[in-house]
Every structure is written in C-alpha cells, then in structure tokens.
Amino acid sequence: MTRIRTTHVGSLIRPQALVELMRAREHGEEISESRHAEVLTAAVADVVDKQIELGLDVVSDGEFGKSDSWSRYIRERLGGFSTVDASTEVTARSPVVGGTDKQLFAEFYEEYESTQGFVAAGGEWKATAAIHYTGQEAVGRDIANLTAALHDGAEGFLPVVAPASAVPSPTHDYYATDEELLFAVADALNEEYRAVVDAGLWVQIDDARFAIAYDTFHGDLAKYRPWAELRTATLVRALDGIPPERSRYHVCWGSWNAPHVGDVPLREIVDLILTVPVSTYSLEQANPRHEHEWRVWEDVELPDDKMLMPGLISHATNVVEHPELVAQRIVRLAELVGPERFLSSTHCGFAQGPLLRPVHPSVQWAKLEALVEGARLASERL
C-alpha cells in the first residue's frame, strides 16, 4: 500500500505566553530577550510534539520565531533598507492590497480589515543601500529550536519568504530599476534558504503575493504576466544551489476569509509555478473559489520528478472537514498525479502573524487530525 504522507503549510497558532510577548513587541514595548528566548524554545518543543503525536510526517516550528507576519519578518533580516518618514504610532495595518475584490466588496472590507490583528508603525520601507542578509542569528535560532524538538523520525521544514512577497512594492533610490532591486533581494534570501537546507531541514518558499497581485491588476493578464515572469525569475535566482529535493514552493491566494472573486485562475499561472526548481508544489485545491481547479491536472502534466502538495483543509473557517471528504479530495488528485508523488497538506497557515487567529486553537488541531485520518482512508483506497 502506498501511504499518503501529511504535512501543513507552516504557521500555527501561538500559545498565549508567546502572544503576550509578541503583542508587546509589536506595539513598541521593551521585552526581556532572555524571557522571549525561554518561552519561544519551550513553545516550539511543545508544538512539534503535538504535530508528531497527531501523526503528521513533516512538521514545522509553527513560525513561532517570526515577528509581524509570514512575510514582513524579513524586514528584520535584510540590510540596505530604511524606513522613510517613520512614525512611532502603531496602528492597525491592512493585510489586503487594493484591487477588484476590495472594489466590489468595499463595505465588507471596511469592517473586516481592522479585525485581523496586523499592526505596524508608519513609514515607507525603501532600499537606500546595497541589500544584504543580516538574519544569521535569527534563522540560526529558528533552526536550532526546530531541530532540537524533532523526534521519532519526523522531518522538519521552515517556511521562508519569496522575493516577490518580501518586497511586494519595490521602492528604492539605490538601485536603477525594480529588477536590479529584486535580484539583489533574491541573492540575500539565498543565504537564508541555504542555512535551512544545510541544517538538514526542508525549506518552504512562501509566495502568496505571486498569485494575489493579479487582483491588483484588476484581472488584466497582459499586465500581470510580465510582472509574474520577472518575479519567477528572481525566485529561480534565489534558489540557486538549493537542492530541489529539499525544497517546496507554496503559492496561495491570500490567507484572509473573504470573497476572493478577483483571484487569478490556477491555469493562468501553473506553467510559471512549474518552472520553479523545487521538488514539491503547494497549492490551494479545496476551497470554494479553487476546489474545481483539481481538474487542471487532467491535462497539465506534473513533471516526473515533482510532487504535488495540495491544500485539502481550510485555515479560514472553523468548520472541521470530515475525513471522508478529505479522503475523496486526496483520491481524485492522487489518481491523476500518482499517489507516490502526493503530500497532503492545508491551504495556508493557521496564523499568518503572531496576533492573528482565524480559527480557535482546538479547531486547528481537529482540522489537522481530520487531514491525517483522511490520508489514512485514502491510502487504503489507493
């Protein structure tokens, strides 16, 4: 029997002790770094234990070591950027870029965005000098916490940000063009990617901005494609020398529970996704806007040396999927790409920032349990 293995996209809901420390830091308050290190190490050990006990095969540190969000954490790890017109006032930050969705559902977003837990001080993040990587200590801490917590043969992965998502709106006065800036960012990020794989972990490249930018172009594919092609090229550069067999690429349509009518169809970007030199592709394949796109794999061939890591569990609703439904989703996709090239996963992370919690923690674990049970049922049927 081919056993369907399981994982998830990376971020998990932080325990309250860590949330309190991160909330203080996000609001500009001084915290004890030794206390933070103590709480963080214990939290990672506990969350890894829970994932392994549940039966997940490839586990993460929950992204507990990241500040601000899944992508903006990198601002603390890249040199060469300055915050121009900085403000010390911390206010709610919009997690959703303007585009078709916001125009069609303006009243909804007016209510929604202030509830999402993203905060930031004002100012423009701008490249004012040569970009270089400065996050060696931070990524080293994350690697050490995760590797120390692994046991019973479980594999570990760390999510990191893609160039397109690290610098979604390039502004600079040091580089001559956006392209030069993006490739400089790619070269800097390569150091973080290397650190992860050199430690024996999987590196997962997170790139929600790649797909959601389509909405900011209001569905104009002629304008979006050149933008996306350049970002794909920068990611290829960032992955230079990174073993494909230890890397995976996560593309989603944003983590917010909103209409998503402006999303780019998978068929319009799947060719670019498959040029990224990783072994495993993580895509949303079971939410109300994209579940029908499982049929893309009827006529798009997954290369022989690649794996599909479809999202089968939603991170954005407190409804717990039935294991039978998860098994059905697995079987129909695995029969197309081959069960030996299949890794069951979630759509996105369960907490894209330390202060964000789309579902209750108990629901998060119930959903992951449903994923594991669904994979067991599908394994029997395949």
Protein backbone atom coordinates (compact mmCIF):
# COMPACT_ATOMS: atom_id res chain seq x y z
CA MET A 1 0.00 0.00 0.00
CA THR A 2 1.23 3.49 -0.81
CA ARG A 3 0.86 5.57 2.33
CA ILE A 4 -0.19 9.16 1.73
CA ARG A 5 2.08 11.37 3.83
CA THR A 6 0.93 14.53 5.58
CA THR A 7 2.23 17.98 6.39
CA HIS A 8 0.89 21.54 6.58
CA VAL A 9 1.93 24.97 5.35
CA GLY A 10 3.79 26.11 8.43
CA SER A 11 2.25 28.71 10.68
CA LEU A 12 0.31 27.57 13.74
CA ILE A 13 -1.49 29.48 16.48
CA ARG A 14 0.93 30.72 19.11
CA PRO A 15 0.44 29.87 22.80
CA GLN A 16 -0.76 32.74 24.97
CA ALA A 17 2.56 33.32 26.74
CA LEU A 18 4.28 33.90 23.40
CA VAL A 19 1.40 36.00 22.07
CA GLU A 20 1.66 38.36 25.03
CA LEU A 21 5.36 38.91 24.44
CA MET A 22 4.86 39.43 20.71
CA ARG A 23 1.95 41.82 21.25
CA ALA A 24 4.15 43.95 23.49
CA ARG A 25 6.94 43.94 20.91
CA GLU A 26 4.58 44.74 18.02
CA HIS A 27 3.35 47.78 19.97
CA GLY A 28 6.87 49.05 20.54
CA GLU A 29 7.29 47.97 24.15
CA GLU A 30 10.55 46.63 25.54
CA ILE A 31 10.55 42.93 26.38
CA SER A 32 13.10 40.69 28.05
CA GLU A 33 15.02 38.92 25.31
CA SER A 34 16.03 36.13 27.66
CA ARG A 35 12.40 35.61 28.65
CA HIS A 36 11.38 35.62 24.96
CA ALA A 37 14.04 33.03 24.13
CA GLU A 38 12.90 30.81 27.02
CA VAL A 39 9.22 30.99 26.07
CA LEU A 40 9.96 30.52 22.36
CA THR A 41 12.11 27.41 22.85
CA ALA A 42 9.50 25.78 25.08
CA ALA A 43 6.67 26.70 22.70
CA VAL A 44 8.45 25.19 19.69
CA ALA A 45 9.20 21.97 21.57
CA ASP A 46 5.56 21.68 22.59
CA VAL A 47 4.08 22.41 19.16
CA VAL A 48 6.44 19.95 17.46
CA ASP A 49 5.44 17.27 19.97
CA LYS A 50 1.76 17.89 19.21
CA GLN A 51 2.27 17.63 15.46
CA ILE A 52 4.20 14.38 15.76
CA GLU A 53 1.70 12.87 18.22
CA LEU A 54 -1.08 13.72 15.79
CA GLY A 55 0.67 11.75 13.05
CA LEU A 56 1.97 14.48 10.75
CA ASP A 57 5.04 13.38 8.82
CA VAL A 58 6.70 16.72 8.00
CA VAL A 59 6.37 19.33 10.75
CA SER A 60 7.37 22.94 11.41
CA ASP A 61 8.15 25.27 14.30
CA GLY A 62 4.76 26.91 13.75
CA GLU A 63 6.65 30.01 12.56
CA PHE A 64 6.82 30.94 16.23
CA GLY A 65 10.14 32.73 15.78
CA LYS A 66 8.82 35.20 13.24
CA SER A 67 7.73 38.73 14.09
CA ASP A 68 4.95 40.76 12.45
CA SER A 69 3.83 38.29 9.75
CA TRP A 70 4.81 35.42 7.47
CA SER A 71 6.48 37.86 5.04
CA ARG A 72 7.32 41.07 6.90
CA TYR A 73 9.52 39.19 9.38
CA ILE A 74 12.21 39.51 6.71
CA ARG A 75 12.45 43.25 7.37
CA GLU A 76 14.49 42.38 10.45
CA ARG A 77 16.81 40.17 8.38
CA LEU A 78 17.71 42.34 5.37
CA GLY A 79 20.19 45.17 5.46
CA GLY A 80 20.13 48.02 2.96
CA PHE A 81 16.54 49.07 3.63
CA SER A 82 15.48 52.12 5.61
CA THR A 83 12.09 53.21 6.89
CA VAL A 84 11.48 56.64 5.38
CA ASP A 85 9.11 59.06 7.14
CA ALA A 86 8.98 56.66 10.06
CA SER A 87 6.31 57.01 12.71
CA THR A 88 6.28 55.59 16.20
CA GLU A 89 2.49 55.35 16.28
CA VAL A 90 1.38 51.73 15.97
CA THR A 91 -1.97 51.29 14.22
CA ALA A 92 -3.97 48.55 12.52
CA ARG A 93 -2.42 47.57 9.18
CA SER A 94 -4.38 46.44 6.15
CA PRO A 95 -3.45 42.86 5.21
CA VAL A 96 -5.26 43.06 1.86
CA VAL A 97 -3.96 45.00 -1.13
CA GLY A 98 -6.38 47.08 -3.16
CA GLY A 99 -7.89 45.51 -6.25
CA THR A 100 -11.03 44.02 -7.74
CA ASP A 101 -12.12 42.30 -4.53
CA LYS A 102 -11.89 45.48 -2.47
CA GLN A 103 -13.79 47.49 -5.05
CA LEU A 104 -16.64 45.00 -5.29
CA PHE A 105 -16.90 44.44 -1.54
CA ALA A 106 -15.81 47.78 -0.09
CA GLU A 107 -18.28 47.72 2.81
CA PHE A 108 -17.19 44.23 3.80
CA TYR A 109 -13.51 45.15 3.83
CA GLU A 110 -14.17 48.31 5.80
CA GLU A 111 -15.47 46.14 8.63
CA TYR A 112 -13.10 43.23 8.11
CA GLU A 113 -9.59 44.58 7.98
CA SER A 114 -9.44 46.16 11.43
CA THR A 115 -10.26 42.77 12.98
CA GLN A 116 -7.28 40.86 11.55
CA GLY A 117 -4.62 41.63 14.16
CA PHE A 118 -1.99 43.14 11.88
CA VAL A 119 -0.39 46.27 13.30
CA ALA A 120 2.55 48.43 12.25
CA ALA A 121 4.12 51.83 12.68
CA GLY A 122 4.02 54.12 9.66
CA GLY A 123 6.72 54.78 7.10
CA GLU A 124 7.91 53.61 3.69
CA TRP A 125 10.30 50.65 3.52
CA LYS A 126 12.86 51.72 0.94
CA ALA A 127 16.13 50.35 -0.43
CA THR A 128 18.70 53.06 0.31
CA ALA A 129 21.90 50.95 0.17
CA ALA A 130 23.14 47.60 -1.13
CA ILE A 131 20.84 44.77 0.01
CA HIS A 132 22.49 42.08 2.11
CA TYR A 133 21.37 39.38 4.54
CA THR A 134 21.65 40.12 8.27
CA GLY A 135 19.41 37.42 9.73
CA GLN A 136 22.03 34.77 10.51
CA GLU A 137 21.35 34.81 14.24
CA ALA A 138 17.56 34.78 13.86
CA VAL A 139 17.42 31.95 11.33
CA GLY A 140 20.03 30.05 13.35
CA ARG A 141 17.80 30.30 16.42
CA ASP A 142 14.78 29.03 14.46
CA ILE A 143 16.79 26.14 13.04
CA ALA A 144 18.17 25.19 16.46
CA ASN A 145 14.75 25.25 18.13
CA LEU A 146 13.16 23.07 15.45
CA THR A 147 15.95 20.53 15.09
CA ALA A 148 16.19 20.11 18.86
CA ALA A 149 12.46 19.39 19.03
CA LEU A 150 12.31 16.75 16.26
CA HIS A 151 11.97 13.10 17.27
CA ASP A 152 10.56 9.73 16.21
CA GLY A 153 11.73 10.08 12.61
CA ALA A 154 9.66 13.17 11.81
CA GLU A 155 11.07 15.52 9.20
CA GLY A 156 11.16 19.27 9.74
CA PHE A 157 10.63 22.27 7.48
CA LEU A 158 10.94 26.01 7.88
CA PRO A 159 8.87 28.44 5.78
CA VAL A 160 10.75 31.41 4.33
CA VAL A 161 9.60 34.25 2.12
CA ALA A 162 9.98 34.51 -1.68
CA PRO A 163 11.48 37.67 -3.25
CA ALA A 164 8.11 38.79 -4.65
CA SER A 165 6.47 38.56 -1.24
CA ALA A 166 9.45 40.01 0.63
CA VAL A 167 9.33 43.23 -1.41
CA PRO A 168 5.79 43.42 -2.81
CA SER A 169 6.00 47.13 -3.68
CA PRO A 170 9.63 47.92 -4.54
CA THR A 171 10.77 51.44 -3.71
CA HIS A 172 14.40 52.47 -3.88
CA ASP A 173 16.87 55.20 -4.63
CA TYR A 174 19.97 52.98 -4.59
CA TYR A 175 19.13 50.66 -7.50
CA ALA A 176 18.45 51.85 -11.03
CA THR A 177 15.46 49.55 -11.61
CA ASP A 178 12.98 47.36 -9.78
CA GLU A 179 14.60 44.38 -11.49
CA GLU A 180 18.02 45.17 -10.00
CA LEU A 181 16.50 45.52 -6.54
CA LEU A 182 14.56 42.26 -6.79
CA PHE A 183 17.60 40.28 -7.90
CA ALA A 184 19.62 41.79 -5.04
CA VAL A 185 16.89 40.66 -2.62
CA ALA A 186 16.98 37.21 -4.23
CA ASP A 187 20.72 36.93 -3.64
CA ALA A 188 20.29 37.94 0.00
CA LEU A 189 17.43 35.49 0.59
CA ASN A 190 19.53 32.69 -0.88
CA GLU A 191 21.60 32.83 2.31
CA GLU A 192 18.53 32.14 4.47
CA TYR A 193 17.43 29.29 2.19
CA ARG A 194 20.89 27.72 2.33
CA ALA A 195 21.03 27.89 6.10
CA VAL A 196 17.80 25.89 6.35
CA VAL A 197 18.73 23.09 3.95
CA ASP A 198 22.31 22.90 5.25
CA ALA A 199 20.79 22.10 8.65
CA GLY A 200 19.04 19.06 7.16
CA LEU A 201 15.57 20.64 7.05
CA TRP A 202 13.17 21.24 4.20
CA VAL A 203 12.90 24.85 3.08
CA GLN A 204 9.45 26.07 2.05
CA ILE A 205 9.25 29.20 -0.08
CA ASP A 206 6.08 31.18 0.71
CA ASP A 207 4.77 33.36 -2.12
CA ALA A 208 1.17 34.48 -1.67
CA ARG A 209 1.95 37.81 -3.33
CA PHE A 210 2.73 36.00 -6.59
CA ALA A 211 -0.92 34.99 -7.04
CA ILE A 212 -2.76 37.82 -5.31
CA ALA A 213 -1.03 40.53 -7.34
CA TYR A 214 -3.32 39.56 -10.22
CA ASP A 215 -6.19 41.15 -8.32
CA THR A 216 -4.28 44.45 -8.10
CA PHE A 217 -4.06 44.42 -11.92
CA HIS A 218 -7.86 44.01 -11.95
CA GLY A 219 -7.63 40.81 -13.95
CA ASP A 220 -5.55 42.32 -16.78
CA LEU A 221 -3.48 39.27 -17.73
CA ALA A 222 -1.41 41.23 -20.27
CA LYS A 223 -0.11 43.43 -17.45
CA TYR A 224 0.11 40.71 -14.81
CA ARG A 225 2.11 38.14 -16.79
CA PRO A 226 5.27 40.28 -17.25
CA TRP A 227 5.11 41.15 -13.55
CA ALA A 228 4.80 37.46 -12.64
CA GLU A 229 7.50 36.32 -15.06
CA LEU A 230 10.05 38.70 -13.52
CA ARG A 231 9.16 37.51 -10.01
CA THR A 232 9.52 33.90 -11.11
CA ALA A 233 12.97 34.67 -12.50
CA THR A 234 14.02 36.28 -9.21
CA LEU A 235 12.85 33.23 -7.27
CA VAL A 236 14.82 30.94 -9.58
CA ARG A 237 17.85 33.11 -8.78
CA ALA A 238 17.14 32.90 -5.03
CA LEU A 239 17.06 29.10 -5.27
CA ASP A 240 20.47 28.88 -6.94
CA GLY A 241 22.33 25.97 -5.37
CA ILE A 242 19.39 24.92 -3.20
CA PRO A 243 18.74 21.16 -3.61
CA PRO A 244 15.31 20.73 -5.24
CA GLU A 245 14.73 17.55 -3.25
CA ARG A 246 14.84 19.59 -0.01
CA SER A 247 12.67 22.50 -1.15
CA ARG A 248 8.98 23.18 -1.75
CA TYR A 249 7.08 26.16 -3.14
CA HIS A 250 3.86 27.42 -1.55
CA VAL A 251 1.52 29.58 -3.63
CA CYS A 252 -1.84 30.65 -2.27
CA TRP A 253 -4.43 33.33 -2.99
CA GLY A 254 -4.00 35.08 0.33
CA SER A 255 -4.97 33.86 3.76
CA TRP A 256 -7.97 36.02 4.51
CA ASN A 257 -11.54 34.64 4.67
CA ALA A 258 -13.06 36.99 2.12
CA PRO A 259 -14.83 36.79 -1.29
CA HIS A 260 -11.73 36.25 -3.50
CA VAL A 261 -13.63 36.87 -6.74
CA GLY A 262 -10.56 38.64 -8.17
CA ASP A 263 -8.26 35.60 -7.85
CA VAL A 264 -6.16 34.52 -10.81
CA PRO A 265 -7.17 31.10 -12.18
CA LEU A 266 -4.60 28.41 -11.49
CA ARG A 267 -4.49 27.54 -15.19
CA GLU A 268 -3.09 31.02 -15.96
CA ILE A 269 -0.06 30.62 -13.69
CA VAL A 270 0.60 26.89 -13.39
CA ASP A 271 3.21 27.00 -16.16
CA LEU A 272 5.23 29.58 -14.24
CA ILE A 273 4.86 27.69 -10.96
CA LEU A 274 6.23 24.52 -12.53
CA THR A 275 9.39 26.32 -13.68
CA VAL A 276 10.41 26.99 -10.07
CA PRO A 277 13.22 24.48 -9.33
CA VAL A 278 11.80 22.71 -6.28
CA SER A 279 10.57 19.16 -5.84
CA THR A 280 7.16 19.97 -4.31
CA TYR A 281 4.38 22.41 -5.19
CA SER A 282 1.91 23.54 -2.51
CA LEU A 283 -1.37 24.90 -3.90
CA GLU A 284 -4.87 25.56 -2.60
CA GLN A 285 -7.06 22.82 -4.10
CA ALA A 286 -10.13 22.57 -1.89
CA ASN A 287 -11.67 25.93 -1.05
CA PRO A 288 -14.89 27.35 -2.54
CA ARG A 289 -13.05 29.50 -5.11
CA HIS A 290 -10.46 26.96 -6.22
CA GLU A 291 -11.64 23.42 -5.49
CA HIS A 292 -12.83 22.98 -9.08
CA GLU A 293 -9.25 23.50 -10.25
CA TRP A 294 -8.23 19.98 -9.32
CA ARG A 295 -9.22 19.23 -12.89
CA VAL A 296 -6.27 21.31 -14.14
CA TRP A 297 -4.15 18.22 -13.50
CA GLU A 298 -6.17 16.25 -16.05
CA ASP A 299 -4.30 18.00 -18.84
CA VAL A 300 -1.36 19.72 -17.12
CA GLU A 301 1.39 17.18 -16.59
CA LEU A 302 3.23 17.25 -13.31
CA PRO A 303 6.90 16.56 -14.19
CA ASP A 304 8.07 13.07 -13.27
CA ASP A 305 10.49 14.23 -10.58
CA LYS A 306 8.00 16.57 -8.87
CA MET A 307 5.37 16.19 -6.15
CA LEU A 308 2.00 17.84 -5.56
CA MET A 309 1.27 19.13 -2.07
CA PRO A 310 -2.39 20.19 -2.34
CA GLY A 311 -4.23 22.11 0.33
CA LEU A 312 -7.13 19.91 1.42
CA ILE A 313 -8.03 21.59 4.71
CA SER A 314 -9.12 25.21 5.11
CA HIS A 315 -7.37 27.52 7.54
CA ALA A 316 -10.10 30.18 7.24
CA THR A 317 -13.21 28.52 8.66
CA ASN A 318 -14.00 26.88 11.99
CA VAL A 319 -15.91 24.10 10.21
CA VAL A 320 -13.87 20.90 10.58
CA GLU A 321 -13.68 18.91 7.36
CA HIS A 322 -14.91 15.31 7.53
CA PRO A 323 -12.11 12.76 7.00
CA GLU A 324 -14.21 11.12 4.29
CA LEU A 325 -14.27 14.40 2.35
CA VAL A 326 -10.51 14.77 2.79
CA ALA A 327 -10.07 11.21 1.50
CA GLN A 328 -12.22 11.96 -1.56
CA ARG A 329 -10.14 15.05 -2.34
CA ILE A 330 -6.93 13.07 -1.98
CA VAL A 331 -8.05 10.14 -4.13
CA ARG A 332 -9.23 12.18 -7.12
CA LEU A 333 -5.96 14.14 -7.21
CA ALA A 334 -3.66 11.23 -6.41
CA GLU A 335 -5.19 9.19 -9.21
CA LEU A 336 -4.16 11.97 -11.62
CA VAL A 337 -0.60 12.63 -10.46
CA GLY A 338 0.22 9.32 -8.76
CA PRO A 339 -0.08 8.54 -5.02
CA GLU A 340 3.69 8.19 -4.70
CA ARG A 341 4.04 11.86 -5.72
CA PHE A 342 1.50 13.24 -3.28
CA LEU A 343 1.82 15.04 0.04
CA SER A 344 -1.42 16.03 1.82
CA SER A 345 -1.48 19.49 3.31
CA THR A 346 -3.50 22.54 4.31
CA HIS A 347 -4.39 25.57 2.19
CA CYS A 348 -2.32 28.01 4.18
CA GLY A 349 -1.02 28.57 7.70
CA PHE A 350 -3.34 28.89 10.66
CA ALA A 351 -1.78 32.13 11.96
CA GLN A 352 -0.04 34.31 9.39
CA GLY A 353 1.13 36.61 12.18
CA PRO A 354 1.60 36.30 15.95
CA LEU A 355 -1.58 38.27 16.67
CA LEU A 356 -3.83 36.67 14.04
CA ARG A 357 -6.06 33.67 14.79
CA PRO A 358 -8.64 32.85 12.08
CA VAL A 359 -9.76 29.70 13.91
CA HIS A 360 -9.74 28.57 17.52
CA PRO A 361 -6.67 26.51 18.56
CA SER A 362 -8.82 23.48 19.34
CA VAL A 363 -10.30 23.69 15.83
CA GLN A 364 -6.83 23.94 14.30
CA TRP A 365 -5.81 20.62 15.84
CA ALA A 366 -9.13 18.98 14.93
CA LYS A 367 -8.59 20.01 11.31
CA LEU A 368 -5.07 18.58 11.26
CA GLU A 369 -6.40 15.38 12.83
CA ALA A 370 -9.00 15.19 10.02
CA LEU A 371 -6.18 15.60 7.49
CA VAL A 372 -4.23 12.70 8.99
CA GLU A 373 -7.31 10.47 9.19
CA GLY A 374 -8.35 11.39 5.64
CA ALA A 375 -4.89 10.46 4.39
CA ARG A 376 -5.16 7.10 6.15
CA LEU A 377 -8.51 6.38 4.49
CA ALA A 378 -7.21 7.47 1.09
CA SER A 379 -4.13 5.27 1.48
CA GLU A 380 -6.35 2.22 1.94
CA ARG A 381 -8.37 3.08 -1.17
CA LEU A 382 -5.39 3.82 -3.37
